[in-house]
PDB file of N, CA and C in Angstrom:
ATOM      1  N   MET A   1     -16.961  -8.677 -18.893  1.00  0.00           N
ATOM      2  CA  MET A   1     -16.601  -9.634 -17.791  1.00  0.00           C
ATOM      3  C   MET A   1     -16.915  -8.419 -16.525  1.00  0.00           C
ATOM      4  N   ASN A   2     -17.140  -9.285 -15.368  1.00  0.00           N
ATOM      5  CA  ASN A   2     -17.241  -8.442 -14.201  1.00  0.00           C
ATOM      6  C   ASN A   2     -16.663  -9.185 -12.879  1.00  0.00           C
ATOM      7  N   PRO A   3     -15.647  -9.034 -12.995  1.00  0.00           N
ATOM      8  CA  PRO A   3     -15.146  -9.962 -11.705  1.00  0.00           C
ATOM      9  C   PRO A   3     -15.571  -9.752 -10.188  1.00  0.00           C
ATOM     10  N   LYS A   4     -15.651 -10.603  -9.553  1.00  0.00           N
ATOM     11  CA  LYS A   4     -16.374 -10.597  -8.157  1.00  0.00           C
ATOM     12  C   LYS A   4     -15.263 -10.595  -6.935  1.00  0.00           C
ATOM     13  N   PRO A   5     -15.522 -10.257  -5.846  1.00  0.00           N
ATOM     14  CA  PRO A   5     -14.537 -10.308  -4.948  1.00  0.00           C
ATOM     15  C   PRO A   5     -14.333 -11.840  -4.511  1.00  0.00           C
ATOM     16  N   GLY A   6     -12.924 -11.999  -4.462  1.00  0.00           N
ATOM     17  CA  GLY A   6     -12.810 -13.620  -3.874  1.00  0.00           C
ATOM     18  C   GLY A   6     -12.276 -14.625  -5.164  1.00  0.00           C
ATOM     19  N   GLU A   7     -12.533 -14.232  -6.055  1.00  0.00           N
ATOM     20  CA  GLU A   7     -12.372 -14.853  -7.425  1.00  0.00           C
ATOM     21  C   GLU A   7     -10.898 -15.017  -7.524  1.00  0.00           C
ATOM     22  N   VAL A   8     -10.385 -16.127  -7.691  1.00  0.00           N
ATOM     23  CA  VAL A   8      -8.931 -16.019  -8.103  1.00  0.00           C
ATOM     24  C   VAL A   8      -8.779 -16.366  -9.564  1.00  0.00           C
ATOM     25  N   TYR A   9      -7.729 -15.470 -10.528  1.00  0.00           N
ATOM     26  CA  TYR A   9      -7.147 -15.656 -11.688  1.00  0.00           C
ATOM     27  C   TYR A   9      -5.605 -15.414 -11.836  1.00  0.00           C
ATOM     28  N   LEU A  10      -5.382 -15.804 -12.952  1.00  0.00           N
ATOM     29  CA  LEU A  10      -3.990 -15.896 -13.344  1.00  0.00           C
ATOM     30  C   LEU A  10      -3.920 -14.097 -14.261  1.00  0.00           C
ATOM     31  N   VAL A  11      -2.784 -13.522 -14.295  1.00  0.00           N
ATOM     32  CA  VAL A  11      -2.565 -12.224 -14.572  1.00  0.00           C
ATOM     33  C   VAL A  11      -0.854 -12.596 -15.092  1.00  0.00           C
ATOM     34  N   ASP A  12      -0.892 -12.138 -16.263  1.00  0.00           N
ATOM     35  CA  ASP A  12       0.599 -12.088 -16.384  1.00  0.00           C
ATOM     36  C   ASP A  12       1.041 -10.421 -16.238  1.00  0.00           C
ATOM     37  N   PHE A  13       2.076 -10.499 -15.166  1.00  0.00           N
ATOM     38  CA  PHE A  13       2.933  -9.463 -15.072  1.00  0.00           C
ATOM     39  C   PHE A  13       4.085  -9.105 -15.654  1.00  0.00           C
ATOM     40  N   GLY A  14       4.168  -9.769 -16.850  1.00  0.00           N
ATOM     41  CA  GLY A  14       5.670  -9.562 -17.748  1.00  0.00           C
ATOM     42  C   GLY A  14       6.359  -9.853 -17.321  1.00  0.00           C
ATOM     43  N   LEU A  15       6.445 -10.633 -15.950  1.00  0.00           N
ATOM     44  CA  LEU A  15       7.741 -11.350 -15.341  1.00  0.00           C
ATOM     45  C   LEU A  15       8.294 -12.441 -16.245  1.00  0.00           C
ATOM     46  N   ALA A  16       8.908 -12.594 -17.116  1.00  0.00           N
ATOM     47  CA  ALA A  16       9.695 -13.419 -17.975  1.00  0.00           C
ATOM     48  C   ALA A  16       8.355 -14.336 -18.352  1.00  0.00           C
ATOM     49  N   GLY A  17       7.129 -13.948 -18.978  1.00  0.00           N
ATOM     50  CA  GLY A  17       5.982 -14.702 -19.393  1.00  0.00           C
ATOM     51  C   GLY A  17       5.875 -15.358 -18.363  1.00  0.00           C
ATOM     52  N   LYS A  18       5.479 -14.957 -16.958  1.00  0.00           N
ATOM     53  CA  LYS A  18       5.161 -16.174 -15.781  1.00  0.00           C
ATOM     54  C   LYS A  18       3.698 -15.357 -15.313  1.00  0.00           C
ATOM     55  N   ARG A  19       3.043 -16.479 -15.265  1.00  0.00           N
ATOM     56  CA  ARG A  19       1.689 -15.732 -15.122  1.00  0.00           C
ATOM     57  C   ARG A  19       1.077 -16.190 -13.850  1.00  0.00           C
ATOM     58  N   ARG A  20       0.865 -15.591 -12.911  1.00  0.00           N
ATOM     59  CA  ARG A  20       0.579 -15.595 -11.515  1.00  0.00           C
ATOM     60  C   ARG A  20      -0.587 -15.392 -10.853  1.00  0.00           C
ATOM     61  N   PRO A  21      -1.100 -16.368  -9.896  1.00  0.00           N
ATOM     62  CA  PRO A  21      -2.381 -16.018  -9.453  1.00  0.00           C
ATOM     63  C   PRO A  21      -2.674 -15.180  -8.682  1.00  0.00           C
ATOM     64  N   VAL A  22      -3.386 -14.099  -8.865  1.00  0.00           N
ATOM     65  CA  VAL A  22      -4.462 -13.162  -7.824  1.00  0.00           C
ATOM     66  C   VAL A  22      -5.846 -13.189  -7.303  1.00  0.00           C
ATOM     67  N   VAL A  23      -6.247 -12.820  -6.538  1.00  0.00           N
ATOM     68  CA  VAL A  23      -7.700 -12.528  -5.927  1.00  0.00           C
ATOM     69  C   VAL A  23      -8.027 -11.176  -5.995  1.00  0.00           C
ATOM     70  N   VAL A  24      -9.511 -11.387  -6.572  1.00  0.00           N
ATOM     71  CA  VAL A  24      -9.789  -9.940  -6.610  1.00  0.00           C
ATOM     72  C   VAL A  24     -10.579  -9.485  -5.595  1.00  0.00           C
ATOM     73  N   VAL A  25     -10.215  -7.985  -5.150  1.00  0.00           N
ATOM     74  CA  VAL A  25     -10.536  -7.927  -3.830  1.00  0.00           C
ATOM     75  C   VAL A  25     -11.765  -6.485  -4.191  1.00  0.00           C
ATOM     76  N   SER A  26     -11.675  -5.894  -5.038  1.00  0.00           N
ATOM     77  CA  SER A  26     -12.561  -4.731  -5.683  1.00  0.00           C
ATOM     78  C   SER A  26     -14.123  -5.395  -5.355  1.00  0.00           C
ATOM     79  N   ARG A  27     -14.830  -4.363  -5.380  1.00  0.00           N
ATOM     80  CA  ARG A  27     -16.015  -4.450  -4.830  1.00  0.00           C
ATOM     81  C   ARG A  27     -16.893  -5.180  -6.531  1.00  0.00           C
ATOM     82  N   GLU A  28     -17.751  -5.714  -6.592  1.00  0.00           N
ATOM     83  CA  GLU A  28     -18.218  -6.060  -7.708  1.00  0.00           C
ATOM     84  C   GLU A  28     -19.623  -4.705  -8.295  1.00  0.00           C
ATOM     85  N   ASP A  29     -19.097  -4.352  -9.470  1.00  0.00           N
ATOM     86  CA  ASP A  29     -19.683  -3.014  -9.643  1.00  0.00           C
ATOM     87  C   ASP A  29     -19.798  -2.797 -11.027  1.00  0.00           C
ATOM     88  N   PRO A  30     -21.064  -3.415 -11.165  1.00  0.00           N
ATOM     89  CA  PRO A  30     -21.359  -3.687 -12.986  1.00  0.00           C
ATOM     90  C   PRO A  30     -21.462  -1.736 -14.064  1.00  0.00           C
ATOM     91  N   ASP A  31     -21.462  -1.019 -13.013  1.00  0.00           N
ATOM     92  CA  ASP A  31     -21.398   0.014 -14.005  1.00  0.00           C
ATOM     93  C   ASP A  31     -20.012   1.421 -13.380  1.00  0.00           C
ATOM     94  N   ALA A  32     -19.086   0.678 -13.147  1.00  0.00           N
ATOM     95  CA  ALA A  32     -17.951   1.328 -12.860  1.00  0.00           C
ATOM     96  C   ALA A  32     -17.591   1.986 -14.335  1.00  0.00           C
ATOM     97  N   PRO A  33     -16.540   3.154 -13.851  1.00  0.00           N
ATOM     98  CA  PRO A  33     -16.587   3.479 -15.155  1.00  0.00           C
ATOM     99  C   PRO A  33     -15.304   3.463 -15.819  1.00  0.00           C
ATOM    100  N   ARG A  34     -14.400   2.172 -15.479  1.00  0.00           N
ATOM    101  CA  ARG A  34     -13.456   1.716 -16.067  1.00  0.00           C
ATOM    102  C   ARG A  34     -13.196   0.192 -15.724  1.00  0.00           C
ATOM    103  N   ALA A  35     -12.957  -0.310 -16.430  1.00  0.00           N
ATOM    104  CA  ALA A  35     -12.624  -1.909 -16.462  1.00  0.00           C
ATOM    105  C   ALA A  35     -11.697  -2.528 -15.967  1.00  0.00           C
ATOM    106  N   LEU A  36     -11.430  -1.904 -14.672  1.00  0.00           N
ATOM    107  CA  LEU A  36     -10.365  -2.245 -13.621  1.00  0.00           C
ATOM    108  C   LEU A  36     -11.015  -3.077 -12.604  1.00  0.00           C
ATOM    109  N   ALA A  37     -10.058  -4.050 -12.089  1.00  0.00           N
ATOM    110  CA  ALA A  37     -10.209  -4.855 -11.009  1.00  0.00           C
ATOM    111  C   ALA A  37      -8.835  -4.559  -9.942  1.00  0.00           C
ATOM    112  N   VAL A  38      -9.284  -4.329  -8.476  1.00  0.00           N
ATOM    113  CA  VAL A  38      -8.133  -4.334  -7.363  1.00  0.00           C
ATOM    114  C   VAL A  38      -8.012  -5.772  -7.042  1.00  0.00           C
ATOM    115  N   VAL A  39      -6.690  -6.085  -7.044  1.00  0.00           N
ATOM    116  CA  VAL A  39      -6.140  -7.491  -6.842  1.00  0.00           C
ATOM    117  C   VAL A  39      -4.962  -7.711  -5.661  1.00  0.00           C
ATOM    118  N   LEU A  40      -4.657  -8.806  -5.359  1.00  0.00           N
ATOM    119  CA  LEU A  40      -3.739  -9.188  -4.484  1.00  0.00           C
ATOM    120  C   LEU A  40      -2.888 -10.312  -5.301  1.00  0.00           C
ATOM    121  N   PRO A  41      -1.877 -10.481  -5.166  1.00  0.00           N
ATOM    122  CA  PRO A  41      -0.945 -11.336  -5.591  1.00  0.00           C
ATOM    123  C   PRO A  41      -0.969 -12.484  -4.736  1.00  0.00           C
ATOM    124  N   LEU A  42      -0.864 -14.104  -5.268  1.00  0.00           N
ATOM    125  CA  LEU A  42      -0.500 -15.044  -4.395  1.00  0.00           C
ATOM    126  C   LEU A  42       0.507 -15.300  -4.558  1.00  0.00           C
ATOM    127  N   THR A  43       1.059 -15.479  -3.400  1.00  0.00           N
ATOM    128  CA  THR A  43       2.668 -16.545  -3.634  1.00  0.00           C
ATOM    129  C   THR A  43       2.575 -17.800  -2.550  1.00  0.00           C
ATOM    130  N   THR A  44       3.904 -18.541  -2.541  1.00  0.00           N
ATOM    131  CA  THR A  44       3.861 -19.592  -2.007  1.00  0.00           C
ATOM    132  C   THR A  44       4.741 -19.273  -0.811  1.00  0.00           C
ATOM    133  N   SER A  45       5.513 -18.085  -1.201  1.00  0.00           N
ATOM    134  CA  SER A  45       6.479 -17.681   0.424  1.00  0.00           C
ATOM    135  C   SER A  45       5.929 -16.835   1.258  1.00  0.00           C
ATOM    136  N   LYS A  46       5.920 -17.351   2.371  1.00  0.00           N
ATOM    137  CA  LYS A  46       5.605 -16.580   3.399  1.00  0.00           C
ATOM    138  C   LYS A  46       6.548 -16.196   4.302  1.00  0.00           C
ATOM    139  N   ARG A  47       5.871 -14.743   4.632  1.00  0.00           N
ATOM    140  CA  ARG A  47       7.491 -13.999   5.450  1.00  0.00           C
ATOM    141  C   ARG A  47       6.677 -13.479   6.842  1.00  0.00           C
ATOM    142  N   GLY A  48       5.445 -13.765   7.031  1.00  0.00           N
ATOM    143  CA  GLY A  48       4.461 -13.753   8.056  1.00  0.00           C
ATOM    144  C   GLY A  48       4.640 -12.153   8.590  1.00  0.00           C
ATOM    145  N   GLY A  49       3.682 -11.769   9.551  1.00  0.00           N
ATOM    146  CA  GLY A  49       3.386 -10.335   9.189  1.00  0.00           C
ATOM    147  C   GLY A  49       1.727 -10.017   9.225  1.00  0.00           C
ATOM    148  N   PRO A  50       1.660  -9.020   9.482  1.00  0.00           N
ATOM    149  CA  PRO A  50       0.092  -8.425   9.041  1.00  0.00           C
ATOM    150  C   PRO A  50      -0.276  -8.035   7.927  1.00  0.00           C
ATOM    151  N   TYR A  51       0.586  -8.229   6.803  1.00  0.00           N
ATOM    152  CA  TYR A  51       0.731  -7.747   5.520  1.00  0.00           C
ATOM    153  C   TYR A  51       0.424  -9.223   4.448  1.00  0.00           C
ATOM    154  N   GLU A  52      -0.015 -10.324   5.212  1.00  0.00           N
ATOM    155  CA  GLU A  52      -0.087 -11.402   4.494  1.00  0.00           C
ATOM    156  C   GLU A  52      -1.321 -12.225   4.931  1.00  0.00           C
ATOM    157  N   VAL A  53      -1.958 -12.964   4.224  1.00  0.00           N
ATOM    158  CA  VAL A  53      -3.133 -13.550   4.856  1.00  0.00           C
ATOM    159  C   VAL A  53      -3.106 -15.210   4.150  1.00  0.00           C
ATOM    160  N   SER A  54      -2.693 -16.116   4.930  1.00  0.00           N
ATOM    161  CA  SER A  54      -2.738 -17.329   4.603  1.00  0.00           C
ATOM    162  C   SER A  54      -3.908 -17.657   4.344  1.00  0.00           C
ATOM    163  N   LEU A  55      -3.769 -18.618   3.143  1.00  0.00           N
ATOM    164  CA  LEU A  55      -5.273 -19.216   2.540  1.00  0.00           C
ATOM    165  C   LEU A  55      -5.181 -20.535   2.255  1.00  0.00           C
ATOM    166  N   GLY A  56      -3.960 -21.391   3.077  1.00  0.00           N
ATOM    167  CA  GLY A  56      -3.906 -22.652   3.039  1.00  0.00           C
ATOM    168  C   GLY A  56      -3.414 -23.350   1.622  1.00  0.00           C
ATOM    169  N   LYS A  57      -4.096 -24.461   1.690  1.00  0.00           N
ATOM    170  CA  LYS A  57      -3.963 -25.123   0.529  1.00  0.00           C
ATOM    171  C   LYS A  57      -5.436 -25.670  -0.840  1.00  0.00           C
ATOM    172  N   LEU A  58      -5.504 -23.963  -1.342  1.00  0.00           N
ATOM    173  CA  LEU A  58      -6.466 -24.376  -2.304  1.00  0.00           C
ATOM    174  C   LEU A  58      -7.023 -25.468  -3.267  1.00  0.00           C
ATOM    175  N   ARG A  59      -7.848 -25.816  -3.671  1.00  0.00           N
ATOM    176  CA  ARG A  59      -8.043 -27.284  -4.346  1.00  0.00           C
ATOM    177  C   ARG A  59      -7.501 -26.773  -5.618  1.00  0.00           C
ATOM    178  N   PHE A  60      -7.555 -25.404  -6.230  1.00  0.00           N
ATOM    179  CA  PHE A  60      -7.262 -25.233  -7.673  1.00  0.00           C
ATOM    180  C   PHE A  60      -5.924 -24.523  -7.646  1.00  0.00           C
ATOM    181  N   LEU A  61      -4.880 -25.058  -6.307  1.00  0.00           N
ATOM    182  CA  LEU A  61      -3.680 -23.771  -6.555  1.00  0.00           C
ATOM    183  C   LEU A  61      -2.609 -25.770  -5.993  1.00  0.00           C
ATOM    184  N   HIS A  62      -1.517 -25.478  -6.720  1.00  0.00           N
ATOM    185  CA  HIS A  62      -0.967 -26.243  -6.405  1.00  0.00           C
ATOM    186  C   HIS A  62       0.173 -26.451  -4.943  1.00  0.00           C
ATOM    187  N   ALA A  63       0.137 -25.492  -4.149  1.00  0.00           N
ATOM    188  CA  ALA A  63       0.686 -25.231  -3.211  1.00  0.00           C
ATOM    189  C   ALA A  63      -0.001 -24.317  -2.232  1.00  0.00           C
ATOM    190  N   GLU A  64      -0.103 -24.247  -0.802  1.00  0.00           N
ATOM    191  CA  GLU A  64      -0.393 -23.535  -0.141  1.00  0.00           C
ATOM    192  C   GLU A  64       0.003 -22.028  -0.054  1.00  0.00           C
ATOM    193  N   SER A  65      -0.827 -21.434   0.028  1.00  0.00           N
ATOM    194  CA  SER A  65      -0.643 -19.587  -1.060  1.00  0.00           C
ATOM    195  C   SER A  65      -1.160 -18.864   0.240  1.00  0.00           C
ATOM    196  N   THR A  66      -0.501 -17.919   0.208  1.00  0.00           N
ATOM    197  CA  THR A  66      -0.356 -16.714   0.839  1.00  0.00           C
ATOM    198  C   THR A  66      -0.710 -15.560  -0.166  1.00  0.00           C
ATOM    199  N   ALA A  67      -2.078 -14.585   0.483  1.00  0.00           N
ATOM    200  CA  ALA A  67      -2.082 -13.209  -0.192  1.00  0.00           C
ATOM    201  C   ALA A  67      -1.160 -12.151   0.409  1.00  0.00           C
ATOM    202  N   ASN A  68      -0.779 -11.503  -0.428  1.00  0.00           N
ATOM    203  CA  ASN A  68       0.342 -10.910  -0.559  1.00  0.00           C
ATOM    204  C   ASN A  68      -0.147  -9.106  -0.332  1.00  0.00           C
ATOM    205  N   VAL A  69      -0.833  -8.415   0.637  1.00  0.00           N
ATOM    206  CA  VAL A  69      -1.192  -7.355   0.798  1.00  0.00           C
ATOM    207  C   VAL A  69      -0.925  -6.234   0.217  1.00  0.00           C
ATOM    208  N   GLN A  70       0.343  -6.453   0.525  1.00  0.00           N
ATOM    209  CA  GLN A  70       1.368  -5.116   0.203  1.00  0.00           C
ATOM    210  C   GLN A  70       1.484  -4.710  -1.213  1.00  0.00           C
ATOM    211  N   GLY A  71       1.192  -6.126  -2.157  1.00  0.00           N
ATOM    212  CA  GLY A  71       0.996  -6.095  -3.179  1.00  0.00           C
ATOM    213  C   GLY A  71      -0.144  -5.716  -4.248  1.00  0.00           C
ATOM    214  N   ILE A  72      -1.073  -4.940  -3.445  1.00  0.00           N
ATOM    215  CA  ILE A  72      -2.329  -4.564  -4.144  1.00  0.00           C
ATOM    216  C   ILE A  72      -2.225  -3.794  -5.339  1.00  0.00           C
ATOM    217  N   THR A  73      -2.787  -4.420  -6.495  1.00  0.00           N
ATOM    218  CA  THR A  73      -2.529  -3.294  -7.656  1.00  0.00           C
ATOM    219  C   THR A  73      -4.009  -3.620  -8.550  1.00  0.00           C
ATOM    220  N   PRO A  74      -4.054  -2.550  -9.437  1.00  0.00           N
ATOM    221  CA  PRO A  74      -4.959  -2.776 -10.122  1.00  0.00           C
ATOM    222  C   PRO A  74      -4.608  -3.404 -11.545  1.00  0.00           C
ATOM    223  N   VAL A  75      -5.659  -4.523 -12.007  1.00  0.00           N
ATOM    224  CA  VAL A  75      -5.488  -4.697 -13.516  1.00  0.00           C
ATOM    225  C   VAL A  75      -6.665  -4.939 -14.440  1.00  0.00           C
ATOM    226  N   GLU A  76      -6.711  -4.334 -15.504  1.00  0.00           N
ATOM    227  CA  GLU A  76      -7.844  -4.350 -16.600  1.00  0.00           C
ATOM    228  C   GLU A  76      -8.423  -6.193 -16.604  1.00  0.00           C
ATOM    229  N   HIS A  77      -9.733  -5.573 -16.814  1.00  0.00           N
ATOM    230  CA  HIS A  77     -10.559  -6.845 -16.862  1.00  0.00           C
ATOM    231  C   HIS A  77     -10.154  -8.042 -17.587  1.00  0.00           C
ATOM    232  N   HIS A  78      -9.382  -7.405 -18.881  1.00  0.00           N
ATOM    233  CA  HIS A  78      -8.793  -8.131 -19.852  1.00  0.00           C
ATOM    234  C   HIS A  78      -7.822  -8.871 -19.614  1.00  0.00           C
ATOM    235  N   GLU A  79      -7.098  -8.499 -18.552  1.00  0.00           N
ATOM    236  CA  GLU A  79      -5.988  -9.369 -18.134  1.00  0.00           C
ATOM    237  C   GLU A  79      -6.394 -10.453 -17.183  1.00  0.00           C
ATOM    238  N   LEU A  80      -7.525 -10.597 -16.593  1.00  0.00           N
ATOM    239  CA  LEU A  80      -7.699 -11.314 -15.847  1.00  0.00           C
ATOM    240  C   LEU A  80      -8.070 -12.752 -16.817  1.00  0.00           C
ATOM    241  N   ARG A  81      -7.172 -13.538 -16.623  1.00  0.00           N
ATOM    242  CA  ARG A  81      -7.406 -14.744 -17.352  1.00  0.00           C
ATOM    243  C   ARG A  81      -7.924 -16.156 -16.506  1.00  0.00           C
ATOM    244  N   ASN A  82      -8.362 -17.160 -16.878  1.00  0.00           N
ATOM    245  CA  ASN A  82      -8.727 -18.174 -16.381  1.00  0.00           C
ATOM    246  C   ASN A  82      -9.103 -18.041 -14.890  1.00  0.00           C
ATOM    247  N   CYS A  83     -10.571 -18.002 -14.809  1.00  0.00           N
ATOM    248  CA  CYS A  83     -10.887 -17.937 -13.465  1.00  0.00           C
ATOM    249  C   CYS A  83     -10.517 -19.472 -12.820  1.00  0.00           C
ATOM    250  N   LEU A  84      -9.722 -19.269 -11.963  1.00  0.00           N
ATOM    251  CA  LEU A  84      -9.372 -20.643 -11.432  1.00  0.00           C
ATOM    252  C   LEU A  84     -10.728 -21.105 -10.394  1.00  0.00           C
ATOM    253  N   GLY A  85     -11.134 -20.301  -9.459  1.00  0.00           N
ATOM    254  CA  GLY A  85     -11.872 -20.714  -8.338  1.00  0.00           C
ATOM    255  C   GLY A  85     -12.025 -19.267  -7.223  1.00  0.00           C
ATOM    256  N   ARG A  86     -12.829 -19.553  -6.292  1.00  0.00           N
ATOM    257  CA  ARG A  86     -13.081 -18.539  -5.335  1.00  0.00           C
ATOM    258  C   ARG A  86     -12.722 -18.829  -4.129  1.00  0.00           C
ATOM    259  N   ILE A  87     -12.185 -18.044  -3.253  1.00  0.00           N
ATOM    260  CA  ILE A  87     -12.138 -17.951  -1.874  1.00  0.00           C
ATOM    261  C   ILE A  87     -13.149 -17.607  -1.096  1.00  0.00           C
ATOM    262  N   GLY A  88     -13.085 -18.671   0.140  1.00  0.00           N
ATOM    263  CA  GLY A  88     -14.591 -18.422   0.921  1.00  0.00           C
ATOM    264  C   GLY A  88     -14.607 -17.076   1.924  1.00  0.00           C
ATOM    265  N   GLU A  89     -15.637 -16.928   2.277  1.00  0.00           N
ATOM    266  CA  GLU A  89     -16.296 -15.708   3.142  1.00  0.00           C
ATOM    267  C   GLU A  89     -15.364 -15.379   4.169  1.00  0.00           C
ATOM    268  N   PRO A  90     -15.423 -16.757   5.054  1.00  0.00           N
ATOM    269  CA  PRO A  90     -14.186 -16.560   6.416  1.00  0.00           C
ATOM    270  C   PRO A  90     -12.867 -15.987   5.811  1.00  0.00           C
ATOM    271  N   VAL A  91     -11.940 -16.643   4.873  1.00  0.00           N
ATOM    272  CA  VAL A  91     -10.785 -15.929   4.463  1.00  0.00           C
ATOM    273  C   VAL A  91     -10.819 -14.787   3.700  1.00  0.00           C
ATOM    274  N   MET A  92     -12.155 -14.280   3.081  1.00  0.00           N
ATOM    275  CA  MET A  92     -11.923 -12.826   2.675  1.00  0.00           C
ATOM    276  C   MET A  92     -11.933 -11.943   3.590  1.00  0.00           C
ATOM    277  N   ARG A  93     -13.268 -12.289   5.077  1.00  0.00           N
ATOM    278  CA  ARG A  93     -12.941 -11.191   6.088  1.00  0.00           C
ATOM    279  C   ARG A  93     -11.625 -11.129   6.408  1.00  0.00           C
ATOM    280  N   ASP A  94     -10.822 -12.022   6.244  1.00  0.00           N
ATOM    281  CA  ASP A  94      -9.043 -11.644   6.983  1.00  0.00           C
ATOM    282  C   ASP A  94      -8.600 -10.869   5.969  1.00  0.00           C
ATOM    283  N   VAL A  95      -8.826 -11.392   4.652  1.00  0.00           N
ATOM    284  CA  VAL A  95      -8.037 -10.450   3.822  1.00  0.00           C
ATOM    285  C   VAL A  95      -8.850  -8.868   3.638  1.00  0.00           C
ATOM    286  N   LYS A  96      -9.876  -8.733   4.077  1.00  0.00           N
ATOM    287  CA  LYS A  96     -10.388  -7.317   4.165  1.00  0.00           C
ATOM    288  C   LYS A  96      -9.862  -6.957   5.388  1.00  0.00           C
ATOM    289  N   ALA A  97      -9.560  -7.434   6.129  1.00  0.00           N
ATOM    290  CA  ALA A  97      -9.237  -6.993   7.868  1.00  0.00           C
ATOM    291  C   ALA A  97      -7.689  -6.569   7.224  1.00  0.00           C
ATOM    292  N   ALA A  98      -6.682  -7.216   6.570  1.00  0.00           N
ATOM    293  CA  ALA A  98      -5.315  -6.916   6.724  1.00  0.00           C
ATOM    294  C   ALA A  98      -5.089  -5.870   5.895  1.00  0.00           C
ATOM    295  N   LEU A  99      -6.509  -5.557   4.282  1.00  0.00           N
ATOM    296  CA  LEU A  99      -6.226  -4.317   3.669  1.00  0.00           C
ATOM    297  C   LEU A  99      -6.263  -2.793   4.835  1.00  0.00           C
ATOM    298  N   ARG A 100      -7.703  -3.304   5.427  1.00  0.00           N
ATOM    299  CA  ARG A 100      -8.187  -2.130   6.847  1.00  0.00           C
ATOM    300  C   ARG A 100      -6.647  -1.878   7.165  1.00  0.00           C
ATOM    301  N   HIS A 101      -5.682  -2.714   7.577  1.00  0.00           N
ATOM    302  CA  HIS A 101      -4.864  -2.545   8.242  1.00  0.00           C
ATOM    303  C   HIS A 101      -3.405  -2.048   7.316  1.00  0.00           C
ATOM    304  N   LEU A 102      -3.361  -2.367   6.142  1.00  0.00           N
ATOM    305  CA  LEU A 102      -2.357  -1.614   5.446  1.00  0.00           C
ATOM    306  C   LEU A 102      -2.837  -0.307   5.479  1.00  0.00           C
ATOM    307  N   LEU A 103      -3.920   0.152   4.712  1.00  0.00           N
ATOM    308  CA  LEU A 103      -4.423   1.474   4.442  1.00  0.00           C
ATOM    309  C   LEU A 103      -4.910   2.188   5.604  1.00  0.00           C
ATOM    310  N   ASP A 104      -4.599   1.769   6.809  1.00  0.00           N
ATOM    311  CA  ASP A 104      -4.919   2.540   8.034  1.00  0.00           C
ATOM    312  C   ASP A 104      -5.989   2.830   8.382  1.00  0.00           C
ATOM    313  N   LEU A 105      -7.251   2.460   7.749  1.00  0.00           N
ATOM    314  CA  LEU A 105      -8.587   2.120   7.720  1.00  0.00           C
ATOM    315  C   LEU A 105      -9.409   2.229   8.585  1.00  0.00           C
TER     316      LEU A 105
END
């Protein structure tokens, strides 16, 4: 498996068996030394501010969603289940800008 930036998957973070949608933000690298992807959790709770990116209503999710940039985390490829769809490039540009802000790059 080689997840691509912008793909949305379900991941079980061990919170009462609840699987959450995440968006892949790490670069596509078929030769990576570890089978890890960096992801952002998606949420329906909006708090506003520079650490959230509104995704609107994606056709493959039941409600309007927001990418929580502060929730950045690595997951092993085998934990990525059920690719639901992909976020468009214009929104991914906003996600990348929010990541640069978070990491002061």
